Amino acid sequence: MNKRKTGFLVGTMVLASLAVIKWLSLNQRLEDLEEVNESLIASQNNLQLTQERQNRRTEGDIARIQEEIGTVYEHMEELSKEREERI
């Protein structure tokens, strides 16, 4: 009976030790994943800010091109009127 209790106690201690080791391993993995997640969030924020700056720059370029096109059409109209007046 004594051997049986000792075996049960040893088995229980081994299982408890394995459970603690597994818990520590999972806890470490969770911490690692949280660090990776924070890094990804920072990268995404940087990418978003870069994209916003590029979008503003592109919108400004488009506005300048639209103004230039409008100016060209105005000049074409003026030249067309001058040509009609000459004829």
N, C-alpha and C. Protein backbone atom coordinates (compact mmCIF):
# COMPACT_ATOMS: atom_id res chain seq x y z
N MET A 1 0.82 -1.18 0.00
CA MET A 1 0.00 0.00 0.00
C MET A 1 0.87 1.26 0.00
N ASN A 2 2.00 1.22 0.66
CA ASN A 2 2.89 2.35 0.75
C ASN A 2 3.49 2.68 -0.61
N LYS A 3 3.84 1.61 -1.37
CA LYS A 3 4.39 1.82 -2.70
C LYS A 3 3.34 2.45 -3.61
N ARG A 4 2.15 2.03 -3.43
CA ARG A 4 1.06 2.54 -4.26
C ARG A 4 0.83 4.04 -4.00
N LYS A 5 0.84 4.45 -2.75
CA LYS A 5 0.68 5.87 -2.41
C LYS A 5 1.86 6.67 -2.93
N THR A 6 3.06 6.11 -2.81
CA THR A 6 4.26 6.81 -3.28
C THR A 6 4.21 6.97 -4.79
N GLY A 7 3.82 5.91 -5.48
CA GLY A 7 3.71 5.98 -6.94
C GLY A 7 2.68 7.01 -7.37
N PHE A 8 1.55 7.01 -6.68
CA PHE A 8 0.51 7.98 -7.00
C PHE A 8 1.00 9.40 -6.75
N LEU A 9 1.70 9.59 -5.63
CA LEU A 9 2.22 10.90 -5.28
C LEU A 9 3.26 11.36 -6.31
N VAL A 10 4.17 10.46 -6.69
CA VAL A 10 5.19 10.80 -7.68
C VAL A 10 4.53 11.12 -9.03
N GLY A 11 3.58 10.30 -9.41
CA GLY A 11 2.86 10.56 -10.68
C GLY A 11 2.16 11.89 -10.67
N THR A 12 1.51 12.19 -9.56
CA THR A 12 0.82 13.47 -9.44
C THR A 12 1.80 14.63 -9.51
N MET A 13 2.95 14.50 -8.86
CA MET A 13 3.96 15.56 -8.87
C MET A 13 4.53 15.74 -10.28
N VAL A 14 4.75 14.65 -10.99
CA VAL A 14 5.27 14.74 -12.35
C VAL A 14 4.26 15.44 -13.24
N LEU A 15 3.01 15.04 -13.14
CA LEU A 15 1.97 15.68 -13.96
C LEU A 15 1.81 17.16 -13.61
N ALA A 16 1.89 17.47 -12.32
CA ALA A 16 1.79 18.87 -11.90
C ALA A 16 2.98 19.66 -12.45
N SER A 17 4.17 19.07 -12.40
CA SER A 17 5.36 19.73 -12.92
C SER A 17 5.23 19.96 -14.42
N LEU A 18 4.74 18.96 -15.15
CA LEU A 18 4.55 19.11 -16.59
C LEU A 18 3.51 20.19 -16.90
N ALA A 19 2.47 20.25 -16.09
CA ALA A 19 1.44 21.26 -16.29
C ALA A 19 2.02 22.67 -16.07
N VAL A 20 2.86 22.81 -15.03
CA VAL A 20 3.48 24.12 -14.76
C VAL A 20 4.43 24.49 -15.90
N ILE A 21 5.21 23.53 -16.38
CA ILE A 21 6.14 23.80 -17.48
C ILE A 21 5.36 24.21 -18.73
N LYS A 22 4.29 23.51 -19.02
CA LYS A 22 3.46 23.84 -20.18
C LYS A 22 2.84 25.22 -20.03
N TRP A 23 2.37 25.54 -18.84
CA TRP A 23 1.78 26.86 -18.58
C TRP A 23 2.82 27.96 -18.78
N LEU A 24 4.05 27.75 -18.26
CA LEU A 24 5.11 28.74 -18.43
C LEU A 24 5.45 28.90 -19.92
N SER A 25 5.49 27.79 -20.63
CA SER A 25 5.78 27.84 -22.07
C SER A 25 4.70 28.62 -22.81
N LEU A 26 3.45 28.36 -22.51
CA LEU A 26 2.36 29.08 -23.16
C LEU A 26 2.36 30.56 -22.79
N ASN A 27 2.69 30.85 -21.54
CA ASN A 27 2.74 32.23 -21.09
C ASN A 27 3.85 32.98 -21.84
N GLN A 28 5.01 32.33 -22.03
CA GLN A 28 6.10 32.96 -22.77
C GLN A 28 5.70 33.18 -24.23
N ARG A 29 5.03 32.20 -24.80
CA ARG A 29 4.57 32.33 -26.19
C ARG A 29 3.57 33.48 -26.32
N LEU A 30 2.69 33.61 -25.35
CA LEU A 30 1.73 34.71 -25.36
C LEU A 30 2.45 36.05 -25.31
N GLU A 31 3.47 36.17 -24.46
CA GLU A 31 4.23 37.42 -24.38
C GLU A 31 4.91 37.71 -25.71
N ASP A 32 5.48 36.68 -26.34
CA ASP A 32 6.12 36.86 -27.64
C ASP A 32 5.12 37.33 -28.68
N LEU A 33 3.94 36.73 -28.69
CA LEU A 33 2.91 37.13 -29.64
C LEU A 33 2.43 38.55 -29.40
N GLU A 34 2.36 38.95 -28.15
CA GLU A 34 1.96 40.33 -27.84
C GLU A 34 3.00 41.31 -28.36
N GLU A 35 4.30 40.98 -28.24
CA GLU A 35 5.35 41.83 -28.76
C GLU A 35 5.25 41.94 -30.28
N VAL A 36 5.02 40.82 -30.94
CA VAL A 36 4.87 40.83 -32.39
C VAL A 36 3.66 41.65 -32.79
N ASN A 37 2.57 41.50 -32.06
CA ASN A 37 1.35 42.26 -32.34
C ASN A 37 1.61 43.76 -32.20
N GLU A 38 2.30 44.17 -31.16
CA GLU A 38 2.62 45.59 -30.97
C GLU A 38 3.48 46.10 -32.11
N SER A 39 4.43 45.29 -32.53
CA SER A 39 5.29 45.66 -33.65
C SER A 39 4.48 45.82 -34.93
N LEU A 40 3.55 44.90 -35.17
CA LEU A 40 2.71 44.99 -36.36
C LEU A 40 1.81 46.22 -36.32
N ILE A 41 1.29 46.53 -35.15
CA ILE A 41 0.45 47.72 -35.01
C ILE A 41 1.26 48.98 -35.32
N ALA A 42 2.49 49.05 -34.80
CA ALA A 42 3.35 50.20 -35.07
C ALA A 42 3.66 50.30 -36.56
N SER A 43 3.94 49.17 -37.18
CA SER A 43 4.23 49.16 -38.62
C SER A 43 3.02 49.61 -39.42
N GLN A 44 1.85 49.14 -39.03
CA GLN A 44 0.63 49.52 -39.73
C GLN A 44 0.37 51.01 -39.58
N ASN A 45 0.60 51.55 -38.38
CA ASN A 45 0.39 52.98 -38.17
C ASN A 45 1.35 53.80 -39.04
N ASN A 46 2.61 53.36 -39.11
CA ASN A 46 3.58 54.06 -39.95
C ASN A 46 3.16 53.99 -41.42
N LEU A 47 2.72 52.84 -41.85
CA LEU A 47 2.28 52.67 -43.23
C LEU A 47 1.07 53.55 -43.53
N GLN A 48 0.16 53.62 -42.58
CA GLN A 48 -1.03 54.45 -42.77
C GLN A 48 -0.66 55.92 -42.88
N LEU A 49 0.26 56.38 -42.02
CA LEU A 49 0.68 57.78 -42.09
C LEU A 49 1.38 58.08 -43.40
N THR A 50 2.21 57.16 -43.85
CA THR A 50 2.90 57.34 -45.13
C THR A 50 1.89 57.40 -46.27
N GLN A 51 0.90 56.54 -46.25
CA GLN A 51 -0.12 56.53 -47.29
C GLN A 51 -0.94 57.82 -47.27
N GLU A 52 -1.26 58.32 -46.08
CA GLU A 52 -2.01 59.57 -45.98
C GLU A 52 -1.22 60.74 -46.57
N ARG A 53 0.11 60.77 -46.29
CA ARG A 53 0.94 61.83 -46.87
C ARG A 53 0.98 61.72 -48.39
N GLN A 54 1.12 60.49 -48.88
CA GLN A 54 1.14 60.27 -50.34
C GLN A 54 -0.20 60.67 -50.97
N ASN A 55 -1.30 60.35 -50.29
CA ASN A 55 -2.62 60.72 -50.81
C ASN A 55 -2.78 62.23 -50.90
N ARG A 56 -2.33 62.94 -49.85
CA ARG A 56 -2.43 64.41 -49.86
C ARG A 56 -1.59 64.98 -51.01
N ARG A 57 -0.38 64.45 -51.18
CA ARG A 57 0.49 64.91 -52.25
C ARG A 57 -0.15 64.65 -53.61
N THR A 58 -0.71 63.47 -53.79
CA THR A 58 -1.35 63.12 -55.06
C THR A 58 -2.57 64.00 -55.31
N GLU A 59 -3.37 64.25 -54.29
CA GLU A 59 -4.54 65.11 -54.45
C GLU A 59 -4.12 66.51 -54.86
N GLY A 60 -3.02 67.02 -54.27
CA GLY A 60 -2.50 68.32 -54.66
C GLY A 60 -2.03 68.32 -56.11
N ASP A 61 -1.36 67.25 -56.52
CA ASP A 61 -0.91 67.14 -57.91
C ASP A 61 -2.11 67.12 -58.86
N ILE A 62 -3.13 66.37 -58.52
CA ILE A 62 -4.33 66.29 -59.36
C ILE A 62 -4.99 67.67 -59.46
N ALA A 63 -5.08 68.39 -58.35
CA ALA A 63 -5.70 69.72 -58.37
C ALA A 63 -4.91 70.66 -59.28
N ARG A 64 -3.57 70.61 -59.21
CA ARG A 64 -2.75 71.47 -60.08
C ARG A 64 -2.92 71.09 -61.55
N ILE A 65 -3.00 69.81 -61.84
CA ILE A 65 -3.20 69.36 -63.22
C ILE A 65 -4.56 69.82 -63.73
N GLN A 66 -5.58 69.73 -62.88
CA GLN A 66 -6.92 70.17 -63.29
C GLN A 66 -6.92 71.67 -63.60
N GLU A 67 -6.22 72.45 -62.77
CA GLU A 67 -6.11 73.89 -63.02
C GLU A 67 -5.41 74.16 -64.34
N GLU A 68 -4.34 73.41 -64.58
CA GLU A 68 -3.59 73.60 -65.82
C GLU A 68 -4.45 73.25 -67.03
N ILE A 69 -5.22 72.18 -66.95
CA ILE A 69 -6.12 71.79 -68.05
C ILE A 69 -7.15 72.89 -68.28
N GLY A 70 -7.71 73.43 -67.19
CA GLY A 70 -8.67 74.53 -67.33
C GLY A 70 -8.05 75.73 -68.01
N THR A 71 -6.81 76.05 -67.63
CA THR A 71 -6.11 77.18 -68.24
C THR A 71 -5.88 76.94 -69.73
N VAL A 72 -5.50 75.72 -70.07
CA VAL A 72 -5.27 75.39 -71.48
C VAL A 72 -6.56 75.54 -72.28
N TYR A 73 -7.68 75.06 -71.75
CA TYR A 73 -8.96 75.21 -72.45
C TYR A 73 -9.32 76.68 -72.61
N GLU A 74 -9.06 77.49 -71.59
CA GLU A 74 -9.34 78.93 -71.70
C GLU A 74 -8.50 79.55 -72.81
N HIS A 75 -7.22 79.19 -72.87
CA HIS A 75 -6.36 79.73 -73.92
C HIS A 75 -6.83 79.27 -75.29
N MET A 76 -7.26 78.01 -75.39
CA MET A 76 -7.76 77.50 -76.67
C MET A 76 -9.00 78.28 -77.11
N GLU A 77 -9.88 78.59 -76.16
CA GLU A 77 -11.08 79.37 -76.49
C GLU A 77 -10.70 80.77 -76.96
N GLU A 78 -9.74 81.39 -76.27
CA GLU A 78 -9.30 82.73 -76.66
C GLU A 78 -8.69 82.71 -78.06
N LEU A 79 -7.85 81.70 -78.33
CA LEU A 79 -7.24 81.60 -79.65
C LEU A 79 -8.28 81.34 -80.72
N SER A 80 -9.29 80.54 -80.40
CA SER A 80 -10.35 80.25 -81.34
C SER A 80 -11.14 81.53 -81.67
N LYS A 81 -11.42 82.33 -80.63
CA LYS A 81 -12.13 83.59 -80.84
C LYS A 81 -11.30 84.55 -81.69
N GLU A 82 -10.00 84.63 -81.40
CA GLU A 82 -9.12 85.51 -82.17
C GLU A 82 -9.08 85.07 -83.63
N ARG A 83 -9.06 83.78 -83.85
CA ARG A 83 -9.01 83.25 -85.21
C ARG A 83 -10.30 83.60 -85.96
N GLU A 84 -11.43 83.46 -85.28
CA GLU A 84 -12.73 83.78 -85.90
C GLU A 84 -12.80 85.27 -86.22
N GLU A 85 -12.23 86.10 -85.34
CA GLU A 85 -12.25 87.55 -85.58
C GLU A 85 -11.39 87.93 -86.78
N ARG A 86 -10.33 87.20 -87.03
CA ARG A 86 -9.45 87.48 -88.15
C ARG A 86 -10.10 87.10 -89.49
N ILE A 87 -10.95 86.13 -89.44
CA ILE A 87 -11.57 85.65 -90.68
C ILE A 87 -12.71 86.51 -91.07
